[in-house]
Protein backbone atom coordinates (compact mmCIF):
# COMPACT_ATOMS: atom_id res chain seq x y z
CA UNK A 1 -17.72 25.57 -18.32
CA UNK A 2 -16.11 23.92 -21.56
CA UNK A 3 -18.77 21.52 -21.72
CA UNK A 4 -21.51 24.35 -21.99
CA UNK A 5 -22.67 25.23 -25.48
CA UNK A 6 -25.17 27.74 -27.03
CA UNK A 7 -26.31 24.73 -29.64
CA UNK A 8 -25.81 21.27 -29.59
CA UNK A 9 -26.59 19.18 -32.92
CA UNK A 10 -27.13 15.59 -32.91
CA UNK A 11 -26.29 14.10 -36.34
CA UNK A 12 -23.82 14.46 -38.84
CA UNK A 13 -25.67 14.83 -42.35
CA UNK A 14 -26.87 17.53 -44.54
CA UNK A 15 -29.21 19.02 -42.35
CA UNK A 16 -26.64 19.04 -39.20
CA UNK A 17 -23.71 20.45 -41.52
CA UNK A 18 -26.31 23.64 -42.57
CA UNK A 19 -27.06 23.98 -39.10
CA UNK A 20 -23.71 24.08 -37.76
CA UNK A 21 -22.70 26.39 -40.69
CA UNK A 22 -25.44 28.96 -39.81
CA UNK A 23 -24.54 28.73 -36.09
CA UNK A 24 -21.03 29.56 -36.66
CA UNK A 25 -22.05 32.48 -38.77
CA UNK A 26 -23.85 33.74 -35.59
CA UNK A 27 -20.80 33.06 -33.54
CA UNK A 28 -22.64 30.50 -31.59
CA UNK A 29 -20.59 28.28 -29.21
CA UNK A 30 -21.86 24.77 -30.97
CA UNK A 31 -21.21 21.13 -30.95
CA UNK A 32 -22.10 18.66 -33.52
CA UNK A 33 -22.43 15.17 -32.49
CA UNK A 34 -21.91 12.41 -35.07
CA UNK A 35 -22.15 8.36 -35.02
CA UNK A 36 -22.80 5.68 -37.34
CA UNK A 37 -21.87 7.09 -41.10
CA UNK A 38 -18.92 9.42 -41.49
CA UNK A 39 -19.10 13.37 -41.65
CA UNK A 40 -21.72 14.09 -44.54
CA UNK A 41 -24.37 11.56 -43.48
CA UNK A 42 -26.35 9.50 -45.97
CA UNK A 43 -25.95 12.14 -48.96
CA UNK A 44 -22.31 11.96 -49.88
CA UNK A 45 -21.46 8.55 -48.52
CA UNK A 46 -24.35 6.36 -49.46
CA UNK A 47 -27.12 8.12 -50.99
CA UNK A 48 -27.14 11.14 -54.14
CA UNK A 49 -23.66 11.25 -54.58
CA UNK A 50 -22.45 7.70 -55.29
CA UNK A 51 -25.74 6.55 -56.40
CA UNK A 52 -25.76 9.01 -59.37
CA UNK A 53 -22.28 8.14 -60.33
CA UNK A 54 -23.18 4.54 -60.76
CA UNK A 55 -26.39 5.38 -62.62
CA UNK A 56 -24.16 7.51 -65.08
CA UNK A 57 -22.28 4.61 -65.58
CA UNK A 58 -25.18 2.68 -66.42
CA UNK A 59 -26.38 5.17 -68.88
CA UNK A 60 -23.13 5.44 -70.88
CA UNK A 61 -23.22 1.48 -71.00
CA UNK A 62 -26.86 1.85 -72.19
CA UNK A 63 -26.72 4.52 -74.46
CA UNK A 64 -23.59 2.98 -76.29
CA UNK A 65 -25.83 0.30 -78.11
CA UNK A 66 -29.13 2.55 -77.87
CA UNK A 67 -28.06 6.12 -78.80
CA UNK A 68 -30.66 6.16 -82.00
CA UNK A 69 -28.22 7.91 -84.22
CA UNK A 70 -28.29 6.23 -87.61
CA UNK A 71 -24.70 5.11 -89.21
CA UNK A 72 -23.00 4.81 -85.84
CA UNK A 73 -22.33 1.76 -84.18
CA UNK A 74 -20.51 1.58 -80.68
CA UNK A 75 -18.90 -1.75 -78.91
CA UNK A 76 -18.55 -1.61 -75.26
CA UNK A 77 -15.40 -3.64 -75.10
CA UNK A 78 -15.58 -4.24 -71.43
CA UNK A 79 -17.15 -3.50 -68.17
CA UNK A 80 -15.31 -3.98 -64.82
CA UNK A 81 -18.07 -4.05 -62.24
CA UNK A 82 -15.40 -3.83 -59.41
CA UNK A 83 -13.36 -0.76 -61.07
CA UNK A 84 -16.65 1.23 -61.20
CA UNK A 85 -17.51 0.59 -57.49
CA UNK A 86 -13.59 1.56 -56.84
CA UNK A 87 -14.05 4.85 -58.59
CA UNK A 88 -17.40 5.39 -56.80
CA UNK A 89 -15.95 5.01 -53.49
CA UNK A 90 -13.18 7.20 -54.40
CA UNK A 91 -15.26 10.02 -55.53
CA UNK A 92 -17.15 9.81 -52.25
CA UNK A 93 -13.92 10.32 -50.52
CA UNK A 94 -12.82 13.09 -52.43
CA UNK A 95 -16.68 14.71 -51.92
CA UNK A 96 -16.39 14.24 -48.22
CA UNK A 97 -13.10 16.04 -47.75
CA UNK A 98 -13.94 18.86 -49.72
CA UNK A 99 -17.12 19.31 -48.63
CA UNK A 100 -17.27 18.30 -45.02
CA UNK A 101 -14.10 17.64 -43.42
CA UNK A 102 -12.44 20.73 -44.62
CA UNK A 103 -15.44 22.93 -43.99
CA UNK A 104 -15.58 21.74 -40.18
CA UNK A 105 -11.90 22.88 -40.15
CA UNK A 106 -13.02 26.47 -41.03
CA UNK A 107 -15.99 26.34 -38.57
CA UNK A 108 -14.49 28.57 -35.52
CA UNK A 109 -17.21 28.24 -33.20
CA UNK A 110 -17.92 24.50 -34.18
CA UNK A 111 -16.79 21.66 -32.19
CA UNK A 112 -17.11 18.05 -33.88
CA UNK A 113 -17.38 14.98 -31.83
CA UNK A 114 -17.50 11.27 -32.77
CA UNK A 115 -19.79 9.36 -30.63
CA UNK A 116 -23.32 8.30 -29.78
CA UNK A 117 -25.08 11.05 -27.87
CA UNK A 118 -28.49 10.69 -25.83
CA UNK A 119 -30.50 12.79 -23.52
CA UNK A 120 -29.57 12.19 -19.80
CA UNK A 121 -31.44 15.14 -18.28
CA UNK A 122 -33.04 18.48 -19.06
CA UNK A 123 -30.80 20.32 -21.74
CA UNK A 124 -28.40 17.84 -21.09
CA UNK A 125 -26.81 14.77 -23.15
CA UNK A 126 -24.30 12.23 -22.57
CA UNK A 127 -21.84 11.12 -25.09
CA UNK A 128 -18.35 9.09 -24.50
CA UNK A 129 -19.26 9.69 -21.09
CA UNK A 130 -19.16 13.12 -20.90
CA UNK A 131 -21.83 15.34 -20.22
CA UNK A 132 -22.77 18.33 -22.28
CA UNK A 133 -25.19 20.79 -21.66
CA UNK A 134 -26.79 23.55 -24.20
CA UNK A 135 -29.40 26.16 -24.23
CA UNK A 136 -30.89 24.73 -27.47
CA UNK A 137 -30.61 21.38 -29.40
CA UNK A 138 -31.43 20.42 -33.10
CA UNK A 139 -31.91 16.56 -33.62
CA UNK A 140 -30.84 15.61 -37.07
CA UNK A 141 -29.84 11.82 -36.66
CA UNK A 142 -31.48 11.05 -40.30
CA UNK A 143 -32.89 7.52 -40.88
CA UNK A 144 -32.43 3.93 -41.54
CA UNK A 145 -33.90 1.54 -44.31
CA UNK A 146 -36.63 -0.38 -42.72
CA UNK A 147 -36.23 -4.12 -42.35
CA UNK A 148 -40.12 -5.57 -43.61
CA UNK A 149 -42.04 -8.31 -41.53
CA UNK A 150 -40.82 -11.34 -44.00
CA UNK A 151 -40.41 -14.71 -42.42
CA UNK A 152 -36.89 -15.62 -42.52
CA UNK A 153 -35.55 -12.29 -44.03
CA UNK A 154 -32.66 -11.97 -41.62
CA UNK A 155 -31.77 -15.43 -41.58
CA UNK A 156 -31.43 -15.47 -45.32
CA UNK A 157 -29.63 -12.10 -45.36
CA UNK A 158 -30.29 -8.79 -47.43
CA UNK A 159 -28.29 -5.56 -48.40
CA UNK A 160 -29.59 -2.04 -48.25
CA UNK A 161 -28.78 0.66 -50.46
CA UNK A 162 -25.56 1.23 -48.07
CA UNK A 163 -24.06 -2.18 -49.26
CA UNK A 164 -25.45 -2.23 -52.66
CA UNK A 165 -22.84 0.94 -53.58
CA UNK A 166 -19.98 -1.26 -52.42
CA UNK A 167 -20.49 -4.89 -53.31
CA UNK A 168 -17.53 -6.87 -54.38
CA UNK A 169 -19.37 -9.04 -56.47
CA UNK A 170 -21.93 -8.18 -59.17
CA UNK A 171 -25.21 -10.24 -58.32
CA UNK A 172 -26.33 -12.02 -61.72
CA UNK A 173 -29.86 -11.48 -60.30
CA UNK A 174 -31.40 -9.25 -57.80
CA UNK A 175 -34.63 -8.86 -56.32
CA UNK A 176 -35.89 -5.23 -55.01
CA UNK A 177 -38.27 -4.89 -52.30
CA UNK A 178 -40.13 -1.66 -52.77
CA UNK A 179 -40.69 0.50 -55.97
CA UNK A 180 -39.73 4.14 -54.55
CA UNK A 181 -36.82 6.53 -55.59
CA UNK A 182 -34.20 4.02 -54.18
CA UNK A 183 -35.86 0.85 -55.62
CA UNK A 184 -36.50 2.26 -59.11
CA UNK A 185 -32.90 3.86 -59.41
CA UNK A 186 -31.05 0.92 -58.08
CA UNK A 187 -33.11 -1.69 -60.48
CA UNK A 188 -32.20 0.42 -63.49
CA UNK A 189 -28.70 0.85 -62.52
CA UNK A 190 -27.87 -2.60 -61.88
CA UNK A 191 -30.15 -4.04 -64.88
CA UNK A 192 -27.60 -1.37 -67.23
CA UNK A 193 -24.91 -3.41 -65.30
CA UNK A 194 -26.21 -6.62 -66.68
CA UNK A 195 -27.95 -8.11 -63.46
CA UNK A 196 -31.39 -9.49 -63.79
CA UNK A 197 -33.43 -7.44 -61.70
CA UNK A 198 -36.97 -8.04 -60.43
CA UNK A 199 -39.18 -5.30 -58.23
CA UNK A 200 -41.70 -6.51 -55.85
CA UNK A 201 -44.00 -3.53 -54.90
CA UNK A 202 -46.58 -4.16 -52.38
CA UNK A 203 -48.61 -1.23 -53.83
CA UNK A 204 -50.95 -0.91 -57.00
CA UNK A 205 -48.32 0.83 -58.83
CA UNK A 206 -44.53 2.01 -58.43
CA UNK A 207 -44.08 5.15 -57.04
CA UNK A 208 -47.62 5.98 -55.75
CA UNK A 209 -47.08 9.60 -54.97
CA UNK A 210 -46.40 10.44 -58.56
CA UNK A 211 -48.36 11.56 -61.38
CA UNK A 212 -50.16 8.77 -62.24
CA UNK A 213 -49.94 9.41 -66.29
CA UNK A 214 -46.27 9.85 -65.87
CA UNK A 215 -45.12 6.96 -63.64
CA UNK A 216 -47.11 4.64 -65.56
CA UNK A 217 -45.02 5.52 -68.67
CA UNK A 218 -42.05 4.83 -66.57
CA UNK A 219 -43.03 1.72 -65.41
CA UNK A 220 -43.84 0.71 -69.05
CA UNK A 221 -40.27 1.89 -70.14
CA UNK A 222 -38.32 -0.12 -67.24
CA UNK A 223 -40.04 -2.97 -68.29
CA UNK A 224 -39.26 -2.41 -71.99
CA UNK A 225 -35.40 -2.65 -70.73
CA UNK A 226 -36.08 -5.88 -69.10
CA UNK A 227 -36.71 -5.27 -65.99
CA UNK A 228 -39.34 -7.13 -64.12
CA UNK A 229 -42.01 -5.26 -62.11
CA UNK A 230 -44.56 -7.16 -60.04
CA UNK A 231 -47.23 -4.75 -57.88
CA UNK A 232 -49.52 -5.69 -55.54
CA UNK A 233 -46.81 -8.27 -54.40
CA UNK A 234 -46.98 -9.06 -50.65
CA UNK A 235 -43.79 -11.01 -49.81
CA UNK A 236 -44.26 -13.20 -47.20
CA UNK A 237 -41.22 -15.16 -46.58
CA UNK A 238 -37.48 -16.00 -47.33
CA UNK A 239 -35.30 -19.03 -47.57
CA UNK A 240 -32.20 -20.34 -48.99
CA UNK A 241 -31.97 -23.01 -51.62
CA UNK A 242 -29.21 -24.37 -53.87
CA UNK A 243 -27.32 -21.34 -53.26
CA UNK A 244 -29.62 -18.96 -54.02
CA UNK A 245 -32.15 -16.47 -51.90
CA UNK A 246 -36.00 -17.37 -52.44
CA UNK A 247 -38.62 -14.89 -51.60
CA UNK A 248 -42.18 -16.19 -51.53
CA UNK A 249 -45.00 -13.64 -52.53
CA UNK A 250 -48.42 -13.58 -53.09
CA UNK A 251 -50.26 -11.74 -55.67
CA UNK A 252 -54.26 -11.35 -55.52
CA UNK A 253 -53.71 -14.82 -53.32
CA UNK A 254 -51.87 -16.58 -55.72
CA UNK A 255 -48.14 -17.88 -54.48
CA UNK A 256 -45.27 -16.64 -56.55
CA UNK A 257 -41.26 -17.22 -56.13
CA UNK A 258 -38.14 -15.45 -57.12
CA UNK A 259 -34.73 -16.89 -56.88
CA UNK A 260 -31.89 -14.42 -56.71
CA UNK A 261 -28.39 -13.97 -55.67
CA UNK A 262 -29.03 -10.98 -53.48
CA UNK A 263 -32.19 -9.33 -52.01
CA UNK A 264 -32.38 -5.32 -51.90
CA UNK A 265 -34.44 -4.02 -49.40
CA UNK A 266 -35.69 -0.46 -50.41
CA UNK A 267 -39.32 -0.06 -48.57
CA UNK A 268 -38.76 3.10 -46.92
CA UNK A 269 -36.84 4.27 -43.84
CA UNK A 270 -37.29 4.41 -40.03
CA UNK A 271 -36.34 7.42 -37.87
CA UNK A 272 -32.97 7.23 -35.95
CA UNK A 273 -34.60 8.13 -32.59
CA UNK A 274 -34.37 4.85 -30.60
CA UNK A 275 -31.36 5.31 -28.65
CA UNK A 276 -31.58 9.07 -28.09
CA UNK A 277 -33.65 8.42 -24.85
CA UNK A 278 -36.28 11.18 -26.05
CA UNK A 279 -38.49 10.46 -23.13
CA UNK A 280 -36.10 12.13 -20.82
CA UNK A 281 -36.88 15.48 -22.03
CA UNK A 282 -40.41 14.35 -23.30
CA UNK A 283 -40.06 14.85 -26.96
CA UNK A 284 -42.97 13.47 -29.00
CA UNK A 285 -42.62 11.18 -31.76
CA UNK A 286 -44.94 9.46 -34.00
CA UNK A 287 -46.26 5.96 -34.59
CA UNK A 288 -42.99 5.52 -37.09
CA UNK A 289 -40.76 6.85 -34.31
CA UNK A 290 -40.20 10.19 -36.12
CA UNK A 291 -39.87 13.47 -34.31
CA UNK A 292 -42.94 15.48 -34.41
CA UNK A 293 -42.51 19.17 -35.25
CA UNK A 294 -44.40 22.24 -36.04
CA UNK A 295 -44.03 24.26 -39.12
CA UNK A 296 -40.72 25.92 -37.63
CA UNK A 297 -38.96 22.91 -36.86
CA UNK A 298 -39.90 23.11 -32.85
CA UNK A 299 -40.82 19.88 -31.00
CA UNK A 300 -43.08 20.23 -28.17
CA UNK A 301 -40.09 20.81 -25.83
CA UNK A 302 -39.39 24.56 -26.20
CA UNK A 303 -35.72 24.21 -26.21
CA UNK A 304 -35.59 21.25 -28.79
CA UNK A 305 -35.81 21.56 -32.83
CA UNK A 306 -35.29 18.96 -35.26
CA UNK A 307 -35.02 18.59 -38.96
CA UNK A 308 -34.36 16.24 -42.08
CA UNK A 309 -35.37 12.60 -42.15
CA UNK A 310 -35.57 12.09 -38.49
CA UNK A 311 -38.89 14.20 -38.51
CA UNK A 312 -42.26 13.76 -39.68
CA UNK A 313 -41.97 16.35 -42.50
CA UNK A 314 -43.67 15.58 -45.59
CA UNK A 315 -40.45 15.60 -47.93
CA UNK A 316 -36.98 13.71 -47.25
CA UNK A 317 -34.63 15.19 -49.77
CA UNK A 318 -31.05 16.43 -49.48
CA UNK A 319 -32.27 20.24 -50.68
CA UNK A 320 -35.15 20.46 -47.99
CA UNK A 321 -32.81 18.89 -45.01
CA UNK A 322 -29.98 21.44 -45.82
CA UNK A 323 -32.56 24.60 -45.98
CA UNK A 324 -34.14 22.95 -42.74
CA UNK A 325 -31.13 22.92 -40.57
CA UNK A 326 -30.20 26.77 -41.65
CA UNK A 327 -33.91 27.65 -40.77
CA UNK A 328 -34.52 25.64 -37.37
CA UNK A 329 -30.84 27.34 -36.59
CA UNK A 330 -32.23 30.58 -37.05
CA UNK A 331 -35.49 29.71 -35.35
CA UNK A 332 -33.68 28.14 -32.25
CA UNK A 333 -30.88 30.85 -31.67
CA UNK A 334 -32.88 34.04 -32.96
CA UNK A 335 -36.22 33.02 -31.94
CA UNK A 336 -37.65 33.46 -35.44
CA UNK A 337 -40.57 31.53 -36.80
CA UNK A 338 -39.07 30.51 -40.42
CA UNK A 339 -40.60 27.94 -42.41
CA UNK A 340 -40.74 25.75 -45.91
CA UNK A 341 -43.55 25.69 -48.35
CA UNK A 342 -43.06 22.27 -49.73
CA UNK A 343 -45.62 22.54 -52.36
CA UNK A 344 -43.33 24.46 -54.18
CA UNK A 345 -40.12 21.97 -53.29
CA UNK A 346 -39.29 19.88 -56.53
CA UNK A 347 -38.26 16.34 -56.15
CA UNK A 348 -36.94 13.71 -58.59
CA UNK A 349 -36.26 10.16 -59.53
CA UNK A 350 -32.78 9.88 -61.07
CA UNK A 351 -33.87 7.02 -63.73
CA UNK A 352 -33.51 7.45 -67.57
CA UNK A 353 -35.79 8.82 -68.47
CA UNK A 354 -36.05 10.49 -64.91
CA UNK A 355 -39.50 11.60 -63.14
CA UNK A 356 -39.35 15.20 -61.49
CA UNK A 357 -42.30 16.84 -60.17
CA UNK A 358 -43.28 20.11 -58.34
CA UNK A 359 -46.89 21.29 -56.75
CA UNK A 360 -50.03 19.17 -56.93
CA UNK A 361 -50.65 16.07 -58.85
CA UNK A 362 -53.79 16.00 -61.01
CA UNK A 363 -55.10 13.83 -57.86
CA UNK A 364 -53.97 16.20 -55.14
CA UNK A 365 -55.67 19.14 -57.09
CA UNK A 366 -58.81 17.38 -57.10
CA UNK A 367 -58.72 16.18 -53.79
CA UNK A 368 -57.89 19.92 -52.64
CA UNK A 369 -60.16 21.72 -55.25
CA UNK A 370 -62.41 19.45 -56.53
CA UNK A 371 -61.59 20.61 -60.12
CA UNK A 372 -58.51 20.27 -62.31
CA UNK A 373 -57.46 21.63 -65.36
CA UNK A 374 -54.33 19.46 -66.81
CA UNK A 375 -52.82 18.94 -69.80
CA UNK A 376 -50.19 16.49 -70.93
CA UNK A 377 -48.05 16.82 -73.75
CA UNK A 378 -45.43 14.03 -75.51
CA UNK A 379 -42.08 14.78 -76.20
CA UNK A 380 -42.91 13.85 -79.62
CA UNK A 381 -43.81 17.26 -80.50
CA UNK A 382 -41.00 18.80 -79.04
CA UNK A 383 -38.19 19.52 -81.52
CA UNK A 384 -34.98 18.61 -79.44
CA UNK A 385 -36.52 15.38 -78.42
CA UNK A 386 -37.02 14.36 -81.94
CA UNK A 387 -33.20 15.61 -82.98
CA UNK A 388 -31.80 13.29 -80.12
CA UNK A 389 -34.05 10.56 -80.57
CA UNK A 390 -35.39 10.79 -77.09
CA UNK A 391 -39.33 11.32 -77.23
CA UNK A 392 -40.66 8.62 -74.86
CA UNK A 393 -41.29 11.25 -72.60
CA UNK A 394 -44.22 13.40 -71.34
CA UNK A 395 -44.82 16.52 -69.42
CA UNK A 396 -48.10 17.49 -67.52
CA UNK A 397 -49.10 20.87 -66.29
CA UNK A 398 -52.09 21.52 -63.79
CA UNK A 399 -53.42 25.25 -63.36
CA UNK A 400 -56.24 26.72 -61.75
CA UNK A 401 -59.39 26.84 -64.06
CA UNK A 402 -60.21 30.25 -63.11
CA UNK A 403 -57.16 32.04 -62.76
CA UNK A 404 -54.60 30.23 -64.77
CA UNK A 405 -52.18 30.02 -61.93
CA UNK A 406 -49.58 27.22 -62.45
CA UNK A 407 -50.54 24.67 -59.64
CA UNK A 408 -48.35 21.71 -60.53
CA UNK A 409 -45.80 20.60 -63.39
CA UNK A 410 -44.45 16.65 -63.75
CA UNK A 411 -41.73 15.79 -66.06
CA UNK A 412 -40.63 12.46 -67.26
CA UNK A 413 -37.72 12.72 -69.72
CA UNK A 414 -33.79 12.50 -69.93
CA UNK A 415 -32.50 15.17 -67.13
CA UNK A 416 -36.01 15.90 -65.56
CA UNK A 417 -34.21 16.79 -62.62
CA UNK A 418 -32.48 19.97 -64.28
CA UNK A 419 -35.69 20.66 -66.37
CA UNK A 420 -37.90 20.80 -63.00
CA UNK A 421 -35.91 23.98 -61.99
CA UNK A 422 -37.78 26.25 -64.28
CA UNK A 423 -41.10 24.86 -62.97
CA UNK A 424 -40.21 25.20 -59.57
CA UNK A 425 -40.13 29.12 -59.89
CA UNK A 426 -43.20 29.15 -62.01
CA UNK A 427 -45.05 27.39 -58.90
CA UNK A 428 -43.40 29.16 -56.33
CA UNK A 429 -44.07 32.45 -57.85
CA UNK A 430 -47.51 31.75 -58.65
CA UNK A 431 -47.26 32.26 -62.40
CA UNK A 432 -49.96 31.75 -65.04
CA UNK A 433 -49.83 29.99 -68.39
CA UNK A 434 -49.84 33.60 -69.67
CA UNK A 435 -46.30 34.13 -68.10
CA UNK A 436 -44.99 31.45 -69.62
CA UNK A 437 -46.51 32.20 -73.24
CA UNK A 438 -44.99 35.59 -72.77
CA UNK A 439 -41.58 33.77 -72.51
CA UNK A 440 -38.88 32.84 -75.48
CA UNK A 441 -37.08 29.96 -74.24
CA UNK A 442 -33.96 28.88 -76.24
CA UNK A 443 -34.58 26.62 -79.61
CA UNK A 444 -34.13 23.79 -79.56
CA UNK A 445 -33.96 22.62 -76.11
CA UNK A 446 -35.95 19.96 -74.09
CA UNK A 447 -36.87 23.17 -71.41
CA UNK A 448 -38.96 24.31 -74.18
CA UNK A 449 -41.54 21.53 -73.25
CA UNK A 450 -42.68 23.92 -70.42
CA UNK A 451 -43.90 26.38 -73.07
CA UNK A 452 -45.45 23.63 -75.30
CA UNK A 453 -47.57 22.47 -72.67
CA UNK A 454 -48.72 25.94 -71.38
CA UNK A 455 -49.44 26.34 -75.14
CA UNK A 456 -51.63 22.85 -75.15
CA UNK A 457 -54.14 25.12 -72.86
CA UNK A 458 -55.33 27.64 -75.63
CA UNK A 459 -53.62 25.59 -78.96
CA UNK A 460 -53.50 22.59 -81.13
CA UNK A 461 -49.92 21.83 -80.84
CA UNK A 462 -49.79 19.83 -84.45
CA UNK A 463 -50.74 23.41 -85.94
CA UNK A 464 -47.38 24.85 -84.64
CA UNK A 465 -44.27 25.35 -86.22
CA UNK A 466 -41.08 24.50 -84.82
CA UNK A 467 -40.06 27.83 -83.14
CA UNK A 468 -42.95 28.61 -80.97
């Protein structure tokens, strides 16, 4: 009887913990079974938290010499790569202890089990040679970095974001395969530390899902910092030569090579489902091994739900993972039918300047509606950007041409991830540009950019005074 639960959660990351916390609030006997990464999963251990500390360190280094303020000359006396990494790892330990390990101890109805679980029968899993049963299950086992089909890549060796966050020695030259958020963030991070970085992207441009105009500008700014970006690059093979790792790739049929100290793989992720024996309960997975769920996070098996990176859901974010865990628990245990509108969920790339987006891009709006009313405003017209010498950014807004409802906002600017919060509310609440025009943002702030871009639909911004 001790091995019978109301809910068993497979995984130990953000979505799993959110699920466990909600189940505890409902006073349901719950087991959370985790293997691989420590409690907290990717985000706190090898994802958002540690990478943002290192990005901040890189920004401090860069801004010391590129602050743009006349009459001030700063000098970086020392940069100790190992100390920066040690500080990052210490911070991760503190976050993990405060946000996960201590939280676990407070969950009266939740049992935490370390071990690799797999289904062994209907409503049954086995872990550490013990069988556990439950009325409901939530699969939240996350994902692992893809290893592309590159000849000899395993023999030559590579790292993923996991290893890149705890290297003992800083590479002098680094090749990054992939130009999504992970690839771009690590490229700028290491470049600002002094590593020569080359990005090899198989697609026509970096981060192809973003707003084209802004992503194109981001690429230009990264290249201006010294990062080499190769697009339409198909990596064919790897080899070791003279103490270096050499990648051979083709661009439009022409073969090129790059020799580096380390290769970082950032070409997407694969769902962690292979060891779960999902065929036993009959859970459907897609061609990428991701668990197929409906809008309520239910699989094709009535008593099994799934959330986070392991699923086929459209966004793989820390914010959505946690919310999905909470909602899936309510759906599973209370038979509710809650869901998330992913069109109103913002996301960001934490480069500097950063890129953040919510709602439809121009291309997506054209594909859906066949028409788009869009405006792009450079941060050169934003007073605060001029004051701080950070005018390189852009903000773009798309609206419905008849109703004026705001359908998408996209920002390239310092701290874009913070600025997008205002736009998230506008898109979620289906506000119009008139609602924005009737607002009074604080002057001078970067957040005024949202009102400026709304004004651009009706006025010539060059004819406005500072306080709009």
